[in-house]
Amino acid sequence: MPAPAPQPMPPIDTPPLEQPPQPAWAPEPPQGDPPPGPAESPVQDPPPHF
């Protein structure tokens, strides 16, 4: 009988676990991951042009 009680707990943790990964992807790009890539390209272009 006590087994069915803990069962509902796991399913509740599954939905929240999936939610964090989605929002984490959005904040990661703005953090500075994508900026360093594209920023390095344009930064290297100006030096050679000068």
PDB file of N, CA and C in Angstrom:
ATOM      1  N   MET A   1       0.844  -1.216   0.000  1.00  0.00           N
ATOM      2  CA  MET A   1       0.000   0.000   0.000  1.00  0.00           C
ATOM      3  C   MET A   1       0.882   1.270   0.000  1.00  0.00           C
ATOM      4  N   PRO A   2       1.975   1.246   0.762  1.00  0.00           N
ATOM      5  CA  PRO A   2       2.847   2.455   0.852  1.00  0.00           C
ATOM      6  C   PRO A   2       3.600   2.664  -0.466  1.00  0.00           C
ATOM      7  N   ALA A   3       3.643   1.648  -1.289  1.00  0.00           N
ATOM      8  CA  ALA A   3       4.387   1.764  -2.563  1.00  0.00           C
ATOM      9  C   ALA A   3       3.693   2.758  -3.505  1.00  0.00           C
ATOM     10  N   PRO A   4       2.383   2.712  -3.628  1.00  0.00           N
ATOM     11  CA  PRO A   4       1.647   3.617  -4.541  1.00  0.00           C
ATOM     12  C   PRO A   4       1.838   5.080  -4.150  1.00  0.00           C
ATOM     13  N   ALA A   5       2.052   5.352  -2.901  1.00  0.00           N
ATOM     14  CA  ALA A   5       2.201   6.757  -2.445  1.00  0.00           C
ATOM     15  C   ALA A   5       3.479   7.364  -3.036  1.00  0.00           C
ATOM     16  N   PRO A   6       4.605   6.680  -2.935  1.00  0.00           N
ATOM     17  CA  PRO A   6       5.889   7.226  -3.456  1.00  0.00           C
ATOM     18  C   PRO A   6       5.886   7.284  -4.985  1.00  0.00           C
ATOM     19  N   GLN A   7       5.064   6.479  -5.623  1.00  0.00           N
ATOM     20  CA  GLN A   7       5.029   6.463  -7.104  1.00  0.00           C
ATOM     21  C   GLN A   7       4.672   7.845  -7.675  1.00  0.00           C
ATOM     22  N   PRO A   8       3.673   8.494  -7.120  1.00  0.00           N
ATOM     23  CA  PRO A   8       3.243   9.815  -7.627  1.00  0.00           C
ATOM     24  C   PRO A   8       4.354  10.850  -7.481  1.00  0.00           C
ATOM     25  N   MET A   9       5.253  10.625  -6.568  1.00  0.00           N
ATOM     26  CA  MET A   9       6.345  11.611  -6.347  1.00  0.00           C
ATOM     27  C   MET A   9       7.286  11.667  -7.570  1.00  0.00           C
ATOM     28  N   PRO A  10       7.743  10.531  -8.071  1.00  0.00           N
ATOM     29  CA  PRO A  10       8.669  10.502  -9.231  1.00  0.00           C
ATOM     30  C   PRO A  10       8.103  11.237 -10.445  1.00  0.00           C
ATOM     31  N   PRO A  11       6.850  10.991 -10.803  1.00  0.00           N
ATOM     32  CA  PRO A  11       6.239  11.663 -11.969  1.00  0.00           C
ATOM     33  C   PRO A  11       6.246  13.178 -11.800  1.00  0.00           C
ATOM     34  N   ILE A  12       6.111  13.632 -10.582  1.00  0.00           N
ATOM     35  CA  ILE A  12       6.078  15.101 -10.340  1.00  0.00           C
ATOM     36  C   ILE A  12       7.480  15.690 -10.579  1.00  0.00           C
ATOM     37  N   ASP A  13       8.494  14.890 -10.264  1.00  0.00           N
ATOM     38  CA  ASP A  13       9.883  15.400 -10.434  1.00  0.00           C
ATOM     39  C   ASP A  13      10.267  15.393 -11.921  1.00  0.00           C
ATOM     40  N   THR A  14       9.616  14.532 -12.695  1.00  0.00           N
ATOM     41  CA  THR A  14       9.974  14.434 -14.124  1.00  0.00           C
ATOM     42  C   THR A  14       9.629  15.727 -14.881  1.00  0.00           C
ATOM     43  N   PRO A  15       8.440  16.251 -14.718  1.00  0.00           N
ATOM     44  CA  PRO A  15       8.034  17.476 -15.440  1.00  0.00           C
ATOM     45  C   PRO A  15       8.946  18.659 -15.110  1.00  0.00           C
ATOM     46  N   PRO A  16       9.249  18.876 -13.839  1.00  0.00           N
ATOM     47  CA  PRO A  16      10.097  20.023 -13.441  1.00  0.00           C
ATOM     48  C   PRO A  16      11.513  19.850 -13.990  1.00  0.00           C
ATOM     49  N   LEU A  17      11.966  18.621 -14.071  1.00  0.00           N
ATOM     50  CA  LEU A  17      13.348  18.388 -14.564  1.00  0.00           C
ATOM     51  C   LEU A  17      13.430  18.792 -16.041  1.00  0.00           C
ATOM     52  N   GLU A  18      12.341  18.538 -16.766  1.00  0.00           N
ATOM     53  CA  GLU A  18      12.350  18.880 -18.207  1.00  0.00           C
ATOM     54  C   GLU A  18      12.254  20.394 -18.405  1.00  0.00           C
ATOM     55  N   GLN A  19      11.603  21.062 -17.481  1.00  0.00           N
ATOM     56  CA  GLN A  19      11.417  22.521 -17.625  1.00  0.00           C
ATOM     57  C   GLN A  19      12.748  23.280 -17.481  1.00  0.00           C
ATOM     58  N   PRO A  20      13.572  22.924 -16.516  1.00  0.00           N
ATOM     59  CA  PRO A  20      14.844  23.642 -16.281  1.00  0.00           C
ATOM     60  C   PRO A  20      15.747  23.628 -17.520  1.00  0.00           C
ATOM     61  N   PRO A  21      15.883  22.489 -18.197  1.00  0.00           N
ATOM     62  CA  PRO A  21      16.744  22.420 -19.399  1.00  0.00           C
ATOM     63  C   PRO A  21      16.293  23.406 -20.475  1.00  0.00           C
ATOM     64  N   GLN A  22      14.992  23.568 -20.635  1.00  0.00           N
ATOM     65  CA  GLN A  22      14.490  24.483 -21.688  1.00  0.00           C
ATOM     66  C   GLN A  22      14.911  25.928 -21.400  1.00  0.00           C
ATOM     67  N   PRO A  23      14.629  26.421 -20.201  1.00  0.00           N
ATOM     68  CA  PRO A  23      14.965  27.812 -19.838  1.00  0.00           C
ATOM     69  C   PRO A  23      16.482  27.994 -19.762  1.00  0.00           C
ATOM     70  N   ALA A  24      17.184  26.944 -19.411  1.00  0.00           N
ATOM     71  CA  ALA A  24      18.656  27.054 -19.279  1.00  0.00           C
ATOM     72  C   ALA A  24      19.266  27.344 -20.663  1.00  0.00           C
ATOM     73  N   TRP A  25      18.665  26.809 -21.698  1.00  0.00           N
ATOM     74  CA  TRP A  25      19.224  27.037 -23.053  1.00  0.00           C
ATOM     75  C   TRP A  25      19.115  28.514 -23.444  1.00  0.00           C
ATOM     76  N   ALA A  26      18.000  29.132 -23.042  1.00  0.00           N
ATOM     77  CA  ALA A  26      17.778  30.549 -23.413  1.00  0.00           C
ATOM     78  C   ALA A  26      18.782  31.450 -22.681  1.00  0.00           C
ATOM     79  N   PRO A  27      18.938  31.280 -21.378  1.00  0.00           N
ATOM     80  CA  PRO A  27      19.852  32.143 -20.601  1.00  0.00           C
ATOM     81  C   PRO A  27      21.306  31.866 -20.975  1.00  0.00           C
ATOM     82  N   GLU A  28      21.608  30.681 -21.444  1.00  0.00           N
ATOM     83  CA  GLU A  28      23.016  30.360 -21.779  1.00  0.00           C
ATOM     84  C   GLU A  28      23.533  31.237 -22.932  1.00  0.00           C
ATOM     85  N   PRO A  29      22.792  31.331 -24.027  1.00  0.00           N
ATOM     86  CA  PRO A  29      23.231  32.156 -25.174  1.00  0.00           C
ATOM     87  C   PRO A  29      23.479  33.608 -24.776  1.00  0.00           C
ATOM     88  N   PRO A  30      22.554  34.222 -24.052  1.00  0.00           N
ATOM     89  CA  PRO A  30      22.701  35.638 -23.651  1.00  0.00           C
ATOM     90  C   PRO A  30      23.824  35.800 -22.636  1.00  0.00           C
ATOM     91  N   GLN A  31      24.149  34.736 -21.927  1.00  0.00           N
ATOM     92  CA  GLN A  31      25.196  34.833 -20.885  1.00  0.00           C
ATOM     93  C   GLN A  31      26.507  35.322 -21.517  1.00  0.00           C
ATOM     94  N   GLY A  32      26.850  34.766 -22.651  1.00  0.00           N
ATOM     95  CA  GLY A  32      28.110  35.203 -23.291  1.00  0.00           C
ATOM     96  C   GLY A  32      28.717  34.040 -24.062  1.00  0.00           C
ATOM     97  N   ASP A  33      27.967  32.951 -24.251  1.00  0.00           N
ATOM     98  CA  ASP A  33      28.518  31.802 -24.992  1.00  0.00           C
ATOM     99  C   ASP A  33      28.573  32.121 -26.490  1.00  0.00           C
ATOM    100  N   PRO A  34      27.440  32.506 -27.082  1.00  0.00           N
ATOM    101  CA  PRO A  34      27.383  32.828 -28.510  1.00  0.00           C
ATOM    102  C   PRO A  34      28.097  34.137 -28.832  1.00  0.00           C
ATOM    103  N   PRO A  35      28.046  35.124 -27.952  1.00  0.00           N
ATOM    104  CA  PRO A  35      28.697  36.424 -28.201  1.00  0.00           C
ATOM    105  C   PRO A  35      30.195  36.264 -28.444  1.00  0.00           C
ATOM    106  N   PRO A  36      30.883  35.433 -27.674  1.00  0.00           N
ATOM    107  CA  PRO A  36      32.337  35.263 -27.843  1.00  0.00           C
ATOM    108  C   PRO A  36      32.669  34.737 -29.241  1.00  0.00           C
ATOM    109  N   GLY A  37      31.857  33.836 -29.763  1.00  0.00           N
ATOM    110  CA  GLY A  37      32.114  33.262 -31.102  1.00  0.00           C
ATOM    111  C   GLY A  37      32.018  34.337 -32.177  1.00  0.00           C
ATOM    112  N   PRO A  38      30.850  34.945 -32.339  1.00  0.00           N
ATOM    113  CA  PRO A  38      30.638  35.969 -33.376  1.00  0.00           C
ATOM    114  C   PRO A  38      31.464  37.216 -33.095  1.00  0.00           C
ATOM    115  N   ALA A  39      31.708  37.504 -31.847  1.00  0.00           N
ATOM    116  CA  ALA A  39      32.462  38.727 -31.486  1.00  0.00           C
ATOM    117  C   ALA A  39      33.926  38.544 -31.918  1.00  0.00           C
ATOM    118  N   GLU A  40      34.426  37.334 -31.799  1.00  0.00           N
ATOM    119  CA  GLU A  40      35.845  37.105 -32.164  1.00  0.00           C
ATOM    120  C   GLU A  40      36.046  37.290 -33.681  1.00  0.00           C
ATOM    121  N   SER A  41      35.061  36.879 -34.449  1.00  0.00           N
ATOM    122  CA  SER A  41      35.176  36.975 -35.920  1.00  0.00           C
ATOM    123  C   SER A  41      35.299  38.447 -36.345  1.00  0.00           C
ATOM    124  N   PRO A  42      34.361  39.292 -35.918  1.00  0.00           N
ATOM    125  CA  PRO A  42      34.367  40.718 -36.292  1.00  0.00           C
ATOM    126  C   PRO A  42      35.580  41.426 -35.694  1.00  0.00           C
ATOM    127  N   VAL A  43      36.018  40.971 -34.553  1.00  0.00           N
ATOM    128  CA  VAL A  43      37.173  41.634 -33.890  1.00  0.00           C
ATOM    129  C   VAL A  43      38.444  41.361 -34.691  1.00  0.00           C
ATOM    130  N   GLN A  44      38.542  40.172 -35.247  1.00  0.00           N
ATOM    131  CA  GLN A  44      39.762  39.822 -36.011  1.00  0.00           C
ATOM    132  C   GLN A  44      39.755  40.538 -37.374  1.00  0.00           C
ATOM    133  N   ASP A  45      38.558  40.829 -37.870  1.00  0.00           N
ATOM    134  CA  ASP A  45      38.457  41.484 -39.197  1.00  0.00           C
ATOM    135  C   ASP A  45      39.025  42.907 -39.157  1.00  0.00           C
ATOM    136  N   PRO A  46      38.664  43.688 -38.141  1.00  0.00           N
ATOM    137  CA  PRO A  46      39.113  45.092 -38.045  1.00  0.00           C
ATOM    138  C   PRO A  46      40.639  45.198 -37.979  1.00  0.00           C
ATOM    139  N   PRO A  47      41.304  44.382 -37.187  1.00  0.00           N
ATOM    140  CA  PRO A  47      42.779  44.469 -37.069  1.00  0.00           C
ATOM    141  C   PRO A  47      43.465  44.325 -38.430  1.00  0.00           C
ATOM    142  N   PRO A  48      43.129  43.288 -39.207  1.00  0.00           N
ATOM    143  CA  PRO A  48      43.767  43.084 -40.523  1.00  0.00           C
ATOM    144  C   PRO A  48      43.446  44.231 -41.480  1.00  0.00           C
ATOM    145  N   HIS A  49      42.252  44.771 -41.377  1.00  0.00           N
ATOM    146  CA  HIS A  49      41.860  45.882 -42.276  1.00  0.00           C
ATOM    147  C   HIS A  49      42.717  47.114 -41.991  1.00  0.00           C
ATOM    148  N   PHE A  50      42.972  47.333 -40.698  1.00  0.00           N
ATOM    149  CA  PHE A  50      43.753  48.521 -40.324  1.00  0.00           C
ATOM    150  C   PHE A  50      45.150  48.399 -40.915  1.00  0.00           C
TER     151      PHE A  50
END
